Amino acid sequence: MKKPEKFGRTLFSYASGAFGHDVFYMALSSYLIMFITSQLFNPSQTGISEATSERMIAIVTGMLFILRFVELIIDPIIGGVIDNTRTRFGKFKPWILFGGSLGSIAIILLFTDLGGLSTSNPTYYIILFILIFATLDVVYSFKDIAFWGMIPALATDSKQRETVGVFARIASTLGQSVVTFAIVPVVLFFSKTHDSTNNVIGDKQGWLVFAVFVAVISLVGGIITVIGAKEQKSTLRQDTEQTSILNVFKAIGRNDQLLWIALSYGLFALGYVICNSFVLYYFTYIFGDASQFAIIGTINLAIGFISAAAFPFFSKLFKGRKNLFFVGLITMIIGLIIFALSNQSLPMVLTGYILYFFPYPMMFLCVLLMLTDSVEYGQLKTGNRSEGVTLCVRPLLDKLAGAISNGVVGFTAIWVGMTNNATANTVAANANNITHFKIVMFVLPIVLFIISLIFMRKVKLTEEFHEKIVDQLYEKLENKQ
């Protein structure tokens, strides 16, 4: 067992990485699409026609959707590569540094028009965009899988893992909240006009500075994790062998608990990312005042911290992570219903959003820790420990949710007239626009959440069950010797 002060250093270092990692994730998953639909092909800034603008937005959105789907099959292989890595720094840290460095460069490039190519030569722009985004997606997967895959290496038993998970989730929630709070003021401050003209938030210069901040914060957080986080040694972790490509997919396919957790989380994550990606659109085009969006960042910062810190209490109160997931999802559904009915009432918007957001950090922890515990379940069932492969599933699902969400958001923005110089008045001029928008933002996530609840019933991997699995593994190892 590590000395407490060393474990405390590990907690701080890992939490720092989680903060930077989720700053990056939030910018990529929720706000890149806003930059594309409102800035990249804006007729008032580029001189192109409205029809050309919408066509280019549709092409880029489609490319995002297709690229992320194609690369999904790569994630399990990346998990296998990480499992097979043997260096003096361990198997996770080299990939955190590699992915963080290249990813930071790539995200800055994506928040530009690539030197004006988006309008002067759209074909070249699309080719370069595909190459940059594909590179970003791969290196981000290496970092994401390696970072979250470290948890079983930082702590062996469920209680310590819960401590690591809580610290990391508090920090990652803080990272997401800082982005939500700062994006509008940062973009406006560094834009040439410093205001929100025609409800278009800032200009390309402001968005570029925002991307640079994101890249630097993410990279620094990863470096702190690499330097300060210390892995624990255990006989369970030493009982490993090289993982072949075939065994990568076997490790996932033969772990039934991993699959049920993944199916439930995948639907939940998709619903959450779709709704979350539309919140800034809601404040801009439905509520009619994008400056009020900073309130959401403040709420995320305060409530997210409380929610993650209160996870052990609520987990105990509801007698386990699985039950907490159920209660949290019901609370989120109630919040979405209130949010959907709020229209331009700020108190109702905030009430609905608080109910919707408060359970999320705890539910993320429920899934993260259940997936982490499925490492030992898979080890017992298959005879091989696959940390990277098992824990690549959650990033893979987040990537899938982000891919579908980007497509849904981009095409919905075109469908309901929320692109370029649109305003709340132009959107409201057609009542169907608001109805269609609310169906996608609220009704679709509610349906996905309900289906997620159904699949979660199949999960049997409770904390007590995991303790029995660990005992059986140690018993098997003793018998081997």
Protein backbone atom coordinates (compact mmCIF):
# COMPACT_ATOMS: atom_id res chain seq x y z
CA MET A 1 0.00 0.00 0.00
CA LYS A 2 1.27 3.49 -0.81
CA LYS A 3 2.05 6.00 1.85
CA PRO A 4 -0.86 8.45 2.26
CA GLU A 5 1.17 11.46 1.11
CA LYS A 6 2.15 9.68 -2.10
CA PHE A 7 -1.43 8.66 -2.77
CA GLY A 8 -2.45 12.27 -2.11
CA ARG A 9 0.05 13.42 -4.73
CA THR A 10 -1.39 10.88 -7.14
CA LEU A 11 -4.92 12.13 -6.50
CA PHE A 12 -3.90 15.75 -7.16
CA SER A 13 -1.91 14.88 -10.29
CA TYR A 14 -4.64 12.69 -11.72
CA ALA A 15 -7.30 15.30 -10.94
CA SER A 16 -5.22 17.96 -12.74
CA GLY A 17 -5.15 15.75 -15.81
CA ALA A 18 -8.90 15.19 -15.58
CA PHE A 19 -9.50 18.95 -15.45
CA GLY A 20 -7.49 19.59 -18.61
CA HIS A 21 -8.86 16.51 -20.35
CA ASP A 22 -12.47 17.61 -19.94
CA VAL A 23 -11.72 21.20 -20.93
CA PHE A 24 -10.56 19.66 -24.21
CA TYR A 25 -13.49 17.24 -24.44
CA MET A 26 -16.08 19.98 -23.85
CA ALA A 27 -14.59 22.23 -26.52
CA LEU A 28 -14.43 19.40 -29.03
CA SER A 29 -17.77 17.71 -28.39
CA SER A 30 -20.05 20.70 -27.71
CA TYR A 31 -18.56 23.88 -29.19
CA LEU A 32 -16.67 22.95 -32.35
CA ILE A 33 -20.03 22.40 -34.04
CA MET A 34 -21.18 25.87 -32.86
CA PHE A 35 -18.07 27.39 -34.47
CA ILE A 36 -18.78 25.54 -37.71
CA THR A 37 -22.47 26.47 -37.93
CA SER A 38 -22.13 30.12 -36.86
CA GLN A 39 -18.65 31.27 -37.93
CA LEU A 40 -16.83 29.17 -40.47
CA PHE A 41 -19.08 29.85 -43.47
CA ASN A 42 -20.94 32.96 -42.30
CA PRO A 43 -22.01 34.95 -45.41
CA SER A 44 -21.60 38.31 -43.66
CA GLN A 45 -17.96 37.52 -42.87
CA THR A 46 -16.98 35.49 -45.94
CA GLY A 47 -19.07 36.95 -48.76
CA ILE A 48 -20.40 33.58 -49.92
CA SER A 49 -24.10 32.99 -50.55
CA GLU A 50 -26.50 31.61 -47.94
CA ALA A 51 -27.08 28.50 -50.06
CA THR A 52 -23.34 27.84 -50.38
CA SER A 53 -22.92 28.40 -46.64
CA GLU A 54 -25.58 25.83 -45.72
CA ARG A 55 -24.16 23.34 -48.23
CA MET A 56 -20.67 23.65 -46.73
CA ILE A 57 -22.03 23.32 -43.18
CA ALA A 58 -23.87 20.15 -44.23
CA ILE A 59 -20.72 18.71 -45.87
CA VAL A 60 -18.46 19.38 -42.86
CA THR A 61 -21.10 18.11 -40.43
CA GLY A 62 -21.50 14.97 -42.52
CA MET A 63 -17.74 14.47 -42.59
CA LEU A 64 -17.57 14.72 -38.80
CA PHE A 65 -20.32 12.13 -38.51
CA ILE A 66 -18.73 9.67 -40.96
CA LEU A 67 -15.17 10.06 -39.68
CA ARG A 68 -16.07 9.34 -36.08
CA PHE A 69 -18.07 6.26 -37.09
CA VAL A 70 -15.24 4.88 -39.25
CA GLU A 71 -12.73 5.35 -36.44
CA LEU A 72 -14.86 3.57 -33.84
CA ILE A 73 -13.40 0.20 -34.83
CA ILE A 74 -9.93 1.56 -34.09
CA ASP A 75 -10.56 2.21 -30.38
CA PRO A 76 -10.45 -1.44 -29.21
CA ILE A 77 -7.22 -1.87 -31.17
CA ILE A 78 -5.82 1.25 -29.47
CA GLY A 79 -6.78 -0.32 -26.13
CA GLY A 80 -4.83 -3.42 -27.14
CA VAL A 81 -1.79 -1.35 -28.12
CA ILE A 82 -1.86 0.36 -24.72
CA ASP A 83 -2.20 -2.99 -22.92
CA ASN A 84 0.84 -4.26 -24.81
CA THR A 85 2.98 -1.19 -24.07
CA ARG A 86 5.99 -1.87 -21.86
CA THR A 87 8.13 1.14 -20.87
CA ARG A 88 9.93 2.34 -17.76
CA PHE A 89 7.15 4.93 -17.41
CA GLY A 90 4.40 2.28 -17.55
CA LYS A 91 1.94 1.64 -20.32
CA PHE A 92 -0.35 4.67 -19.91
CA LYS A 93 1.82 7.77 -19.50
CA PRO A 94 3.61 7.72 -22.88
CA TRP A 95 0.27 7.74 -24.67
CA ILE A 96 -1.14 10.52 -22.47
CA LEU A 97 1.81 12.70 -23.48
CA PHE A 98 1.71 11.65 -27.13
CA GLY A 99 -2.04 12.18 -27.53
CA GLY A 100 -2.06 15.40 -25.53
CA SER A 101 0.72 17.02 -27.58
CA LEU A 102 -0.61 16.25 -31.06
CA GLY A 103 -4.22 16.76 -30.00
CA SER A 104 -3.50 20.28 -28.75
CA ILE A 105 -2.03 21.28 -32.13
CA ALA A 106 -4.91 19.70 -34.04
CA ILE A 107 -7.73 21.34 -32.06
CA ILE A 108 -6.21 24.80 -32.66
CA LEU A 109 -6.20 24.13 -36.41
CA LEU A 110 -9.83 22.96 -36.38
CA PHE A 111 -10.94 26.27 -34.86
CA THR A 112 -9.60 28.17 -37.91
CA ASP A 113 -10.57 28.49 -41.56
CA LEU A 114 -7.11 27.07 -42.46
CA GLY A 115 -5.84 30.33 -43.90
CA GLY A 116 -9.07 31.19 -45.68
CA LEU A 117 -9.33 27.86 -47.54
CA SER A 118 -12.90 27.31 -46.26
CA THR A 119 -14.08 29.93 -48.76
CA SER A 120 -11.21 30.42 -51.26
CA ASN A 121 -10.82 26.71 -52.02
CA PRO A 122 -13.50 24.58 -50.27
CA THR A 123 -12.21 21.32 -51.79
CA TYR A 124 -8.74 21.75 -50.29
CA TYR A 125 -10.33 22.82 -47.01
CA ILE A 126 -12.45 19.66 -46.83
CA ILE A 127 -9.42 17.45 -47.57
CA LEU A 128 -7.29 19.15 -44.90
CA PHE A 129 -10.18 19.18 -42.43
CA ILE A 130 -10.62 15.42 -42.84
CA LEU A 131 -6.90 14.77 -42.32
CA ILE A 132 -6.64 17.02 -39.25
CA PHE A 133 -9.83 15.74 -37.64
CA ALA A 134 -8.94 12.09 -38.31
CA THR A 135 -5.51 12.67 -36.72
CA LEU A 136 -7.12 14.41 -33.75
CA ASP A 137 -9.62 11.61 -33.30
CA VAL A 138 -6.92 8.92 -33.22
CA VAL A 139 -4.48 10.72 -30.90
CA TYR A 140 -7.33 11.83 -28.64
CA SER A 141 -8.43 8.19 -28.36
CA PHE A 142 -4.91 7.18 -27.30
CA LYS A 143 -4.91 9.84 -24.59
CA ASP A 144 -8.51 9.26 -23.48
CA ILE A 145 -8.19 5.48 -23.20
CA ALA A 146 -4.79 5.72 -21.50
CA PHE A 147 -5.95 8.40 -19.05
CA TRP A 148 -9.12 6.72 -17.81
CA GLY A 149 -7.51 3.30 -18.13
CA MET A 150 -5.08 4.31 -15.37
CA ILE A 151 -7.71 4.01 -12.63
CA PRO A 152 -7.28 0.24 -12.07
CA ALA A 153 -3.52 0.88 -11.94
CA LEU A 154 -3.82 3.69 -9.39
CA ALA A 155 -6.03 1.70 -7.01
CA THR A 156 -6.95 -1.98 -6.69
CA ASP A 157 -9.92 -2.13 -4.31
CA SER A 158 -13.32 -0.49 -4.90
CA LYS A 159 -13.01 2.03 -2.04
CA GLN A 160 -9.72 3.48 -3.25
CA ARG A 161 -11.00 3.49 -6.81
CA GLU A 162 -14.02 5.42 -5.63
CA THR A 163 -11.71 8.02 -4.08
CA VAL A 164 -9.72 8.34 -7.32
CA GLY A 165 -12.93 8.50 -9.34
CA VAL A 166 -14.49 11.18 -7.12
CA PHE A 167 -11.40 13.41 -7.26
CA ALA A 168 -11.14 12.97 -11.03
CA ARG A 169 -14.84 13.63 -11.55
CA ILE A 170 -14.79 16.79 -9.42
CA ALA A 171 -11.88 18.06 -11.51
CA SER A 172 -13.40 17.06 -14.85
CA THR A 173 -16.72 18.67 -13.89
CA LEU A 174 -14.78 21.79 -12.98
CA GLY A 175 -13.08 21.67 -16.39
CA GLN A 176 -16.39 21.38 -18.25
CA SER A 177 -17.91 24.13 -16.12
CA VAL A 178 -15.02 26.52 -16.73
CA VAL A 179 -15.47 26.10 -20.50
CA THR A 180 -19.23 26.65 -20.26
CA PHE A 181 -18.73 29.70 -18.07
CA ALA A 182 -15.89 31.24 -20.05
CA ILE A 183 -16.60 30.49 -23.71
CA VAL A 184 -18.88 33.46 -24.48
CA PRO A 185 -16.90 36.14 -22.56
CA VAL A 186 -13.54 34.80 -23.80
CA VAL A 187 -14.63 34.65 -27.44
CA LEU A 188 -16.20 38.12 -27.27
CA PHE A 189 -13.24 39.69 -25.44
CA PHE A 190 -10.70 38.48 -27.99
CA SER A 191 -12.90 39.12 -31.03
CA LYS A 192 -12.37 42.27 -33.07
CA THR A 193 -15.88 43.62 -32.37
CA HIS A 194 -16.14 42.57 -28.66
CA ASP A 195 -19.92 42.12 -28.93
CA SER A 196 -22.55 39.68 -30.11
CA THR A 197 -23.58 41.09 -33.50
CA ASN A 198 -26.84 39.70 -34.86
CA ASN A 199 -26.63 37.04 -32.16
CA VAL A 200 -23.45 35.65 -33.73
CA ILE A 201 -20.99 35.11 -30.88
CA GLY A 202 -17.77 36.98 -31.67
CA ASP A 203 -15.63 36.27 -34.71
CA LYS A 204 -13.00 33.78 -35.88
CA GLN A 205 -10.21 35.54 -34.00
CA GLY A 206 -12.02 35.13 -30.67
CA TRP A 207 -12.74 31.45 -31.32
CA LEU A 208 -9.09 30.84 -32.21
CA VAL A 209 -7.89 32.34 -28.91
CA PHE A 210 -10.43 30.18 -27.09
CA ALA A 211 -8.99 27.08 -28.84
CA VAL A 212 -5.43 28.06 -27.85
CA PHE A 213 -6.47 28.33 -24.19
CA VAL A 214 -8.12 24.91 -24.40
CA ALA A 215 -5.03 23.33 -25.99
CA VAL A 216 -2.61 24.74 -23.41
CA ILE A 217 -4.74 23.85 -20.38
CA SER A 218 -5.26 20.30 -21.66
CA LEU A 219 -1.56 19.74 -22.37
CA VAL A 220 -0.40 21.11 -19.00
CA GLY A 221 -2.91 18.91 -17.14
CA GLY A 222 -1.65 15.83 -18.97
CA ILE A 223 1.98 16.66 -18.14
CA ILE A 224 1.12 17.01 -14.43
CA THR A 225 -0.51 13.55 -14.50
CA VAL A 226 2.50 12.00 -16.22
CA ILE A 227 4.89 13.49 -13.65
CA GLY A 228 2.90 13.02 -10.44
CA ALA A 229 0.54 10.03 -10.72
CA LYS A 230 2.04 6.80 -9.34
CA GLU A 231 0.78 3.34 -10.28
CA GLN A 232 0.31 0.66 -7.62
CA LYS A 233 1.87 -2.74 -8.01
CA SER A 234 -0.23 -5.83 -7.35
CA THR A 235 -0.14 -9.52 -8.18
CA LEU A 236 -3.38 -9.12 -10.11
CA ARG A 237 -1.83 -6.54 -12.43
CA GLN A 238 1.27 -8.70 -12.93
CA ASP A 239 -0.90 -11.60 -14.08
CA THR A 240 -1.06 -10.36 -17.68
CA GLU A 241 0.10 -11.37 -21.11
CA GLN A 242 0.46 -9.73 -24.50
CA THR A 243 -2.92 -9.04 -26.14
CA SER A 244 -3.42 -10.01 -29.79
CA ILE A 245 -5.86 -8.24 -32.10
CA LEU A 246 -8.22 -11.22 -31.90
CA ASN A 247 -8.07 -11.24 -28.12
CA VAL A 248 -8.89 -7.54 -28.05
CA PHE A 249 -12.36 -8.21 -29.41
CA LYS A 250 -12.70 -11.44 -27.42
CA ALA A 251 -12.00 -9.54 -24.20
CA ILE A 252 -14.93 -7.26 -24.95
CA GLY A 253 -17.30 -9.85 -26.41
CA ARG A 254 -16.90 -12.39 -23.58
CA ASN A 255 -17.41 -9.84 -20.81
CA ASP A 256 -21.21 -9.76 -20.60
CA GLN A 257 -21.29 -7.26 -17.72
CA LEU A 258 -19.07 -4.88 -19.67
CA LEU A 259 -21.45 -5.12 -22.63
CA TRP A 260 -24.62 -4.43 -20.62
CA ILE A 261 -23.02 -1.46 -18.84
CA ALA A 262 -21.74 -0.20 -22.19
CA LEU A 263 -25.13 -0.48 -23.89
CA SER A 264 -26.88 1.39 -21.10
CA TYR A 265 -24.19 4.07 -20.85
CA GLY A 266 -24.03 4.52 -24.63
CA LEU A 267 -27.71 5.45 -24.83
CA PHE A 268 -27.43 7.69 -21.76
CA ALA A 269 -24.32 9.45 -23.11
CA LEU A 270 -25.96 10.05 -26.47
CA GLY A 271 -29.01 11.66 -24.89
CA TYR A 272 -26.86 13.79 -22.59
CA VAL A 273 -24.49 15.04 -25.30
CA ILE A 274 -27.34 15.87 -27.70
CA CYS A 275 -29.15 17.96 -25.08
CA ASN A 276 -25.97 19.54 -23.76
CA SER A 277 -24.81 20.56 -27.23
CA PHE A 278 -28.06 22.45 -27.75
CA VAL A 279 -28.00 24.52 -24.54
CA LEU A 280 -26.02 27.39 -26.06
CA TYR A 281 -28.33 27.28 -29.10
CA TYR A 282 -31.29 27.49 -26.70
CA PHE A 283 -29.98 30.61 -24.99
CA THR A 284 -29.04 32.18 -28.33
CA TYR A 285 -32.10 31.42 -30.47
CA ILE A 286 -34.96 30.52 -28.08
CA PHE A 287 -34.26 32.52 -24.93
CA GLY A 288 -32.75 35.27 -27.07
CA ASP A 289 -29.79 36.29 -24.91
CA ALA A 290 -26.55 34.34 -25.30
CA SER A 291 -24.89 36.38 -22.54
CA GLN A 292 -27.09 34.60 -19.98
CA PHE A 293 -25.40 31.32 -20.92
CA ALA A 294 -22.62 32.14 -18.44
CA ILE A 295 -25.13 31.37 -15.67
CA ILE A 296 -25.07 27.74 -16.82
CA GLY A 297 -21.31 27.70 -16.32
CA THR A 298 -21.71 29.03 -12.79
CA ILE A 299 -24.34 26.37 -12.04
CA ASN A 300 -22.13 23.63 -13.47
CA LEU A 301 -19.21 24.82 -11.40
CA ALA A 302 -21.09 24.94 -8.08
CA ILE A 303 -23.49 22.03 -8.46
CA GLY A 304 -21.03 19.81 -10.33
CA PHE A 305 -18.54 20.09 -7.47
CA ILE A 306 -21.24 19.30 -4.88
CA SER A 307 -22.62 16.41 -6.92
CA ALA A 308 -19.27 14.66 -7.42
CA ALA A 309 -18.20 15.24 -3.80
CA ALA A 310 -21.53 13.86 -2.55
CA PHE A 311 -21.21 10.66 -4.61
CA PRO A 312 -20.13 8.41 -1.70
CA PHE A 313 -23.05 9.67 0.41
CA PHE A 314 -25.68 9.14 -2.28
CA SER A 315 -24.19 5.79 -3.30
CA LYS A 316 -24.59 4.62 0.29
CA LEU A 317 -28.03 6.22 0.64
CA PHE A 318 -29.41 4.40 -2.40
CA LYS A 319 -27.56 1.17 -1.54
CA GLY A 320 -25.14 1.04 -4.45
CA ARG A 321 -24.12 2.58 -7.75
CA LYS A 322 -26.72 0.81 -9.85
CA ASN A 323 -29.65 2.15 -7.79
CA LEU A 324 -28.10 5.62 -7.80
CA PHE A 325 -27.96 5.48 -11.60
CA PHE A 326 -31.71 4.73 -11.73
CA VAL A 327 -32.66 7.57 -9.36
CA GLY A 328 -30.36 10.00 -11.14
CA LEU A 329 -31.79 9.25 -14.56
CA ILE A 330 -35.38 9.73 -13.37
CA THR A 331 -34.35 13.10 -11.88
CA MET A 332 -32.76 14.13 -15.18
CA ILE A 333 -35.93 13.25 -17.10
CA ILE A 334 -38.02 15.42 -14.75
CA GLY A 335 -35.53 18.26 -15.26
CA LEU A 336 -35.75 17.99 -19.05
CA ILE A 337 -39.55 18.17 -18.96
CA ILE A 338 -39.43 21.39 -16.88
CA PHE A 339 -36.70 22.81 -19.15
CA ALA A 340 -38.75 22.05 -22.27
CA LEU A 341 -41.79 23.89 -20.90
CA SER A 342 -39.86 26.95 -19.73
CA ASN A 343 -39.63 28.92 -23.01
CA GLN A 344 -38.27 32.37 -21.99
CA SER A 345 -38.78 32.01 -18.23
CA LEU A 346 -35.25 32.11 -16.77
CA PRO A 347 -36.30 30.71 -13.34
CA MET A 348 -37.92 27.69 -15.03
CA VAL A 349 -34.95 27.23 -17.37
CA LEU A 350 -32.56 27.19 -14.42
CA THR A 351 -34.78 24.91 -12.31
CA GLY A 352 -35.04 22.40 -15.12
CA TYR A 353 -31.34 22.60 -15.89
CA ILE A 354 -30.33 22.11 -12.25
CA LEU A 355 -32.47 18.96 -11.96
CA TYR A 356 -31.06 17.78 -15.27
CA PHE A 357 -27.39 18.46 -14.49
CA PHE A 358 -27.07 17.70 -10.77
CA PRO A 359 -27.18 13.86 -11.09
CA TYR A 360 -24.83 13.72 -14.09
CA PRO A 361 -21.41 13.74 -12.33
CA MET A 362 -22.61 11.01 -9.96
CA MET A 363 -23.98 8.91 -12.81
CA PHE A 364 -20.75 9.24 -14.74
CA LEU A 365 -18.92 7.96 -11.66
CA CYS A 366 -21.37 5.05 -11.31
CA VAL A 367 -20.63 3.92 -14.85
CA LEU A 368 -16.89 4.63 -14.69
CA LEU A 369 -16.45 2.59 -11.51
CA MET A 370 -18.67 -0.27 -12.71
CA LEU A 371 -16.65 -0.42 -15.96
CA THR A 372 -13.42 -0.34 -13.94
CA ASP A 373 -14.65 -3.21 -11.76
CA SER A 374 -15.47 -5.15 -14.93
CA VAL A 375 -11.70 -5.43 -15.51
CA GLU A 376 -11.50 -8.04 -12.72
CA TYR A 377 -14.76 -9.64 -13.88
CA GLY A 378 -13.26 -10.11 -17.33
CA GLN A 379 -9.99 -11.34 -15.84
CA LEU A 380 -11.84 -14.01 -13.86
CA LYS A 381 -13.95 -15.04 -16.85
CA THR A 382 -11.28 -15.05 -19.59
CA GLY A 383 -8.08 -15.64 -17.60
CA ASN A 384 -6.46 -12.47 -18.98
CA ARG A 385 -6.40 -8.96 -17.53
CA SER A 386 -7.15 -6.29 -20.17
CA GLU A 387 -7.20 -2.84 -18.56
CA GLY A 388 -6.78 -0.77 -21.70
CA VAL A 389 -9.13 -2.87 -23.82
CA THR A 390 -11.88 -2.94 -21.19
CA LEU A 391 -11.69 0.74 -20.39
CA CYS A 392 -11.51 1.81 -24.03
CA VAL A 393 -15.24 1.07 -24.18
CA ARG A 394 -16.37 4.23 -22.38
CA PRO A 395 -14.26 6.60 -24.54
CA LEU A 396 -15.47 4.69 -27.59
CA LEU A 397 -19.08 5.27 -26.52
CA ASP A 398 -18.40 8.93 -25.81
CA LYS A 399 -16.89 9.24 -29.27
CA LEU A 400 -19.93 7.51 -30.80
CA ALA A 401 -22.25 9.82 -28.86
CA GLY A 402 -20.23 12.82 -30.01
CA ALA A 403 -20.32 11.66 -33.63
CA ILE A 404 -24.08 11.19 -33.66
CA SER A 405 -24.59 14.39 -31.67
CA ASN A 406 -22.51 16.47 -34.09
CA GLY A 407 -24.60 15.16 -36.95
CA VAL A 408 -27.88 15.73 -35.11
CA VAL A 409 -26.93 19.25 -34.00
CA GLY A 410 -25.54 20.35 -37.36
CA PHE A 411 -28.47 19.16 -39.45
CA THR A 412 -31.02 20.33 -36.86
CA ALA A 413 -29.45 23.82 -36.91
CA ILE A 414 -29.95 23.91 -40.69
CA TRP A 415 -33.49 22.44 -40.40
CA VAL A 416 -34.75 25.02 -37.90
CA GLY A 417 -32.86 28.03 -39.29
CA MET A 418 -30.24 28.40 -36.52
CA THR A 419 -27.20 29.10 -38.69
CA ASN A 420 -25.01 32.10 -39.55
CA ASN A 421 -26.89 35.40 -38.90
CA ALA A 422 -30.09 33.87 -37.54
CA THR A 423 -31.64 35.52 -34.47
CA ALA A 424 -34.29 34.57 -31.94
CA ASN A 425 -36.79 36.61 -33.96
CA THR A 426 -36.04 34.90 -37.28
CA VAL A 427 -36.29 31.48 -35.65
CA ALA A 428 -39.55 32.36 -33.86
CA ALA A 429 -41.06 33.66 -37.10
CA ASN A 430 -41.86 30.04 -37.92
CA ALA A 431 -43.51 28.31 -34.94
CA ASN A 432 -42.56 24.90 -36.36
CA ASN A 433 -38.87 25.76 -35.91
CA ILE A 434 -39.21 25.93 -32.12
CA THR A 435 -41.35 22.78 -31.98
CA HIS A 436 -38.90 20.80 -34.09
CA PHE A 437 -35.96 22.10 -32.06
CA LYS A 438 -37.55 21.06 -28.76
CA ILE A 439 -38.37 17.60 -30.06
CA VAL A 440 -34.70 17.01 -30.86
CA MET A 441 -33.27 18.73 -27.77
CA PHE A 442 -35.68 17.30 -25.16
CA VAL A 443 -37.91 14.48 -26.42
CA LEU A 444 -35.14 12.48 -28.12
CA PRO A 445 -32.87 12.45 -25.01
CA ILE A 446 -35.82 11.48 -22.77
CA VAL A 447 -36.56 8.47 -25.00
CA LEU A 448 -32.87 7.46 -24.94
CA PHE A 449 -32.75 7.80 -21.13
CA ILE A 450 -35.79 5.53 -20.71
CA ILE A 451 -34.26 2.82 -22.93
CA SER A 452 -30.99 3.17 -20.97
CA LEU A 453 -32.87 2.39 -17.75
CA ILE A 454 -34.21 -0.82 -19.28
CA PHE A 455 -30.75 -2.12 -20.20
CA MET A 456 -29.24 -1.18 -16.83
CA ARG A 457 -31.49 -3.81 -15.24
CA LYS A 458 -29.22 -6.45 -16.78
CA VAL A 459 -26.17 -5.23 -14.84
CA LYS A 460 -25.24 -7.46 -11.86
CA LEU A 461 -21.77 -6.08 -11.09
CA THR A 462 -22.40 -4.51 -7.68
CA GLU A 463 -19.67 -3.52 -5.22
CA GLU A 464 -20.29 -6.68 -3.17
CA PHE A 465 -20.10 -8.85 -6.28
CA HIS A 466 -16.79 -7.21 -7.23
CA GLU A 467 -15.28 -7.97 -3.82
CA LYS A 468 -16.12 -11.66 -4.28
CA ILE A 469 -14.53 -11.61 -7.74
CA VAL A 470 -11.28 -10.12 -6.37
CA ASP A 471 -11.19 -12.76 -3.61
CA GLN A 472 -11.63 -15.51 -6.22
CA LEU A 473 -8.82 -14.07 -8.36
CA TYR A 474 -6.40 -13.99 -5.44
CA GLU A 475 -7.39 -17.56 -4.58
CA LYS A 476 -6.69 -18.69 -8.16
CA LEU A 477 -3.30 -16.99 -8.11
CA GLU A 478 -2.39 -18.68 -4.83
CA ASN A 479 -3.37 -22.06 -6.25
CA LYS A 480 -1.16 -21.38 -9.29
CA GLN A 481 1.83 -20.84 -7.06
